Amino acid sequence: MTSRKAKPKTIDEYLAGVKADYREALEKLRQTIRAVVPNAEECISYWIPAFRLNGRLLVGFGAWANHCSFYPMSSTMLRKFQRDMKNFQTSKGTLRFSPDKPLPARFVKKLVQARIAENRG
């Protein structure tokens, strides 16, 4: 019988299990999100670190074998800011980046602010 890795209960627990360079990049991303929305609740949702505002998921992030991901929890946001993402790999609901080429804080702030507005509407 194989044992599954326990699901982290907090973002700190999640980050503790991530490679050091990925952890550093994700911690900076976390701080950028927190600066935009300091009253958001940190949580684990769908096995990844996420932020919830007024009971609704706002954004999330994660570490994978070959990249880090930022999840705006909205494919609309990825389409809306497509030009800003030309140097990053995207999929339907994911923006991928590497620790040595992190997402610009200014862009993350813009996405988070747009998600706050989208959640209100």
Protein backbone atom coordinates (compact mmCIF):
# COMPACT_ATOMS: atom_id res chain seq x y z
CA MET A 1 0.00 0.00 0.00
CA THR A 2 1.32 3.43 -0.89
CA SER A 3 0.67 6.46 1.24
CA ARG A 4 -0.52 9.72 -0.26
CA LYS A 5 1.09 12.93 0.76
CA ALA A 6 -1.17 14.69 3.25
CA LYS A 7 -3.12 17.63 1.88
CA PRO A 8 -1.67 20.86 3.28
CA LYS A 9 -4.08 22.82 5.43
CA THR A 10 -2.38 26.22 5.04
CA ILE A 11 -0.32 28.07 2.48
CA ASP A 12 2.68 27.84 4.81
CA GLU A 13 2.33 24.04 4.91
CA TYR A 14 2.06 23.95 1.12
CA LEU A 15 5.15 26.12 0.65
CA ALA A 16 7.15 24.04 3.14
CA GLY A 17 6.91 21.12 0.69
CA VAL A 18 8.08 23.08 -2.36
CA LYS A 19 11.63 23.37 -3.74
CA ALA A 20 13.47 26.40 -2.33
CA ASP A 21 13.62 28.46 -5.54
CA TYR A 22 9.94 27.79 -6.28
CA ARG A 23 9.03 28.58 -2.66
CA GLU A 24 10.81 31.94 -2.88
CA ALA A 25 9.03 32.86 -6.13
CA LEU A 26 5.64 31.81 -4.75
CA GLU A 27 6.20 33.65 -1.48
CA LYS A 28 6.87 36.85 -3.45
CA LEU A 29 3.69 36.24 -5.43
CA ARG A 30 1.79 35.68 -2.16
CA GLN A 31 3.13 38.98 -0.77
CA THR A 32 2.11 40.83 -3.93
CA ILE A 33 -1.42 39.44 -3.73
CA ARG A 34 -1.60 40.23 -0.02
CA ALA A 35 -0.50 43.84 -0.72
CA VAL A 36 -3.45 44.31 -3.10
CA VAL A 37 -6.03 42.58 -0.95
CA PRO A 38 -4.86 42.41 2.67
CA ASN A 39 -8.29 41.35 3.94
CA ALA A 40 -8.50 38.26 1.70
CA GLU A 41 -8.64 34.89 3.44
CA GLU A 42 -5.80 32.48 2.65
CA CYS A 43 -6.94 28.92 2.02
CA ILE A 44 -6.19 25.71 0.21
CA SER A 45 -8.65 25.03 -2.59
CA TYR A 46 -8.38 22.25 -5.15
CA TRP A 47 -5.08 21.27 -3.43
CA ILE A 48 -3.45 24.64 -4.19
CA PRO A 49 -2.89 27.85 -2.21
CA ALA A 50 -5.64 30.35 -2.89
CA PHE A 51 -7.17 33.58 -1.69
CA ARG A 52 -10.85 34.02 -0.99
CA LEU A 53 -12.60 37.38 -0.75
CA ASN A 54 -16.17 37.72 0.52
CA GLY A 55 -16.56 33.95 0.34
CA ARG A 56 -15.53 33.70 -3.32
CA LEU A 57 -12.26 32.38 -4.75
CA LEU A 58 -10.13 35.20 -6.04
CA VAL A 59 -6.76 33.82 -7.23
CA GLY A 60 -4.46 30.91 -6.53
CA PHE A 61 -0.97 29.64 -7.25
CA GLY A 62 1.02 26.43 -7.26
CA ALA A 63 4.32 24.70 -7.88
CA TRP A 64 4.73 21.88 -10.37
CA ALA A 65 7.69 19.81 -11.53
CA ASN A 66 8.83 22.23 -14.24
CA HIS A 67 7.06 25.51 -13.52
CA CYS A 68 5.04 27.62 -11.14
CA SER A 69 1.47 28.62 -11.90
CA PHE A 70 -0.76 31.56 -11.15
CA TYR A 71 -4.49 30.91 -11.34
CA PRO A 72 -6.69 33.96 -11.82
CA MET A 73 -9.69 31.62 -11.38
CA SER A 74 -11.12 33.16 -14.53
CA SER A 75 -10.46 32.38 -18.18
CA THR A 76 -11.98 35.80 -18.93
CA MET A 77 -9.05 37.48 -17.16
CA LEU A 78 -6.52 35.55 -19.22
CA ARG A 79 -8.21 36.62 -22.43
CA LYS A 80 -8.59 40.22 -21.23
CA PHE A 81 -4.87 40.59 -20.41
CA GLN A 82 -3.53 38.42 -23.23
CA ARG A 83 -1.12 41.11 -24.46
CA ASP A 84 0.46 41.40 -21.00
CA MET A 85 1.14 37.66 -21.00
CA LYS A 86 2.93 37.28 -24.31
CA ASN A 87 6.18 36.22 -22.58
CA PHE A 88 4.49 33.54 -20.45
CA GLN A 89 2.89 30.23 -21.26
CA THR A 90 -0.86 30.12 -20.67
CA SER A 91 -3.66 27.62 -20.85
CA LYS A 92 -7.39 27.98 -20.27
CA GLY A 93 -7.11 29.06 -16.64
CA THR A 94 -3.38 29.09 -15.89
CA LEU A 95 -0.47 31.43 -16.27
CA ARG A 96 2.86 29.55 -16.02
CA PHE A 97 6.19 31.03 -15.00
CA SER A 98 9.56 29.95 -13.69
CA PRO A 99 11.35 31.11 -10.53
CA ASP A 100 14.07 32.73 -12.65
CA LYS A 101 11.44 34.61 -14.71
CA PRO A 102 8.66 35.47 -12.24
CA LEU A 103 5.50 37.37 -13.06
CA PRO A 104 6.01 41.13 -12.74
CA ALA A 105 4.42 42.41 -9.51
CA ARG A 106 2.74 45.25 -11.40
CA PHE A 107 1.00 42.72 -13.67
CA VAL A 108 -0.07 40.50 -10.75
CA LYS A 109 -1.55 43.55 -9.01
CA LYS A 110 -3.45 44.43 -12.17
CA LEU A 111 -4.86 40.90 -12.45
CA VAL A 112 -5.86 40.74 -8.79
CA GLN A 113 -7.59 44.11 -8.97
CA ALA A 114 -9.45 42.99 -12.10
CA ARG A 115 -10.51 39.78 -10.33
CA ILE A 116 -11.83 41.78 -7.36
CA ALA A 117 -13.93 43.85 -9.77
CA GLU A 118 -15.09 40.73 -11.63
CA ASN A 119 -16.13 39.03 -8.38
CA ARG A 120 -18.16 42.10 -7.38
CA GLY A 121 -19.99 42.13 -10.71
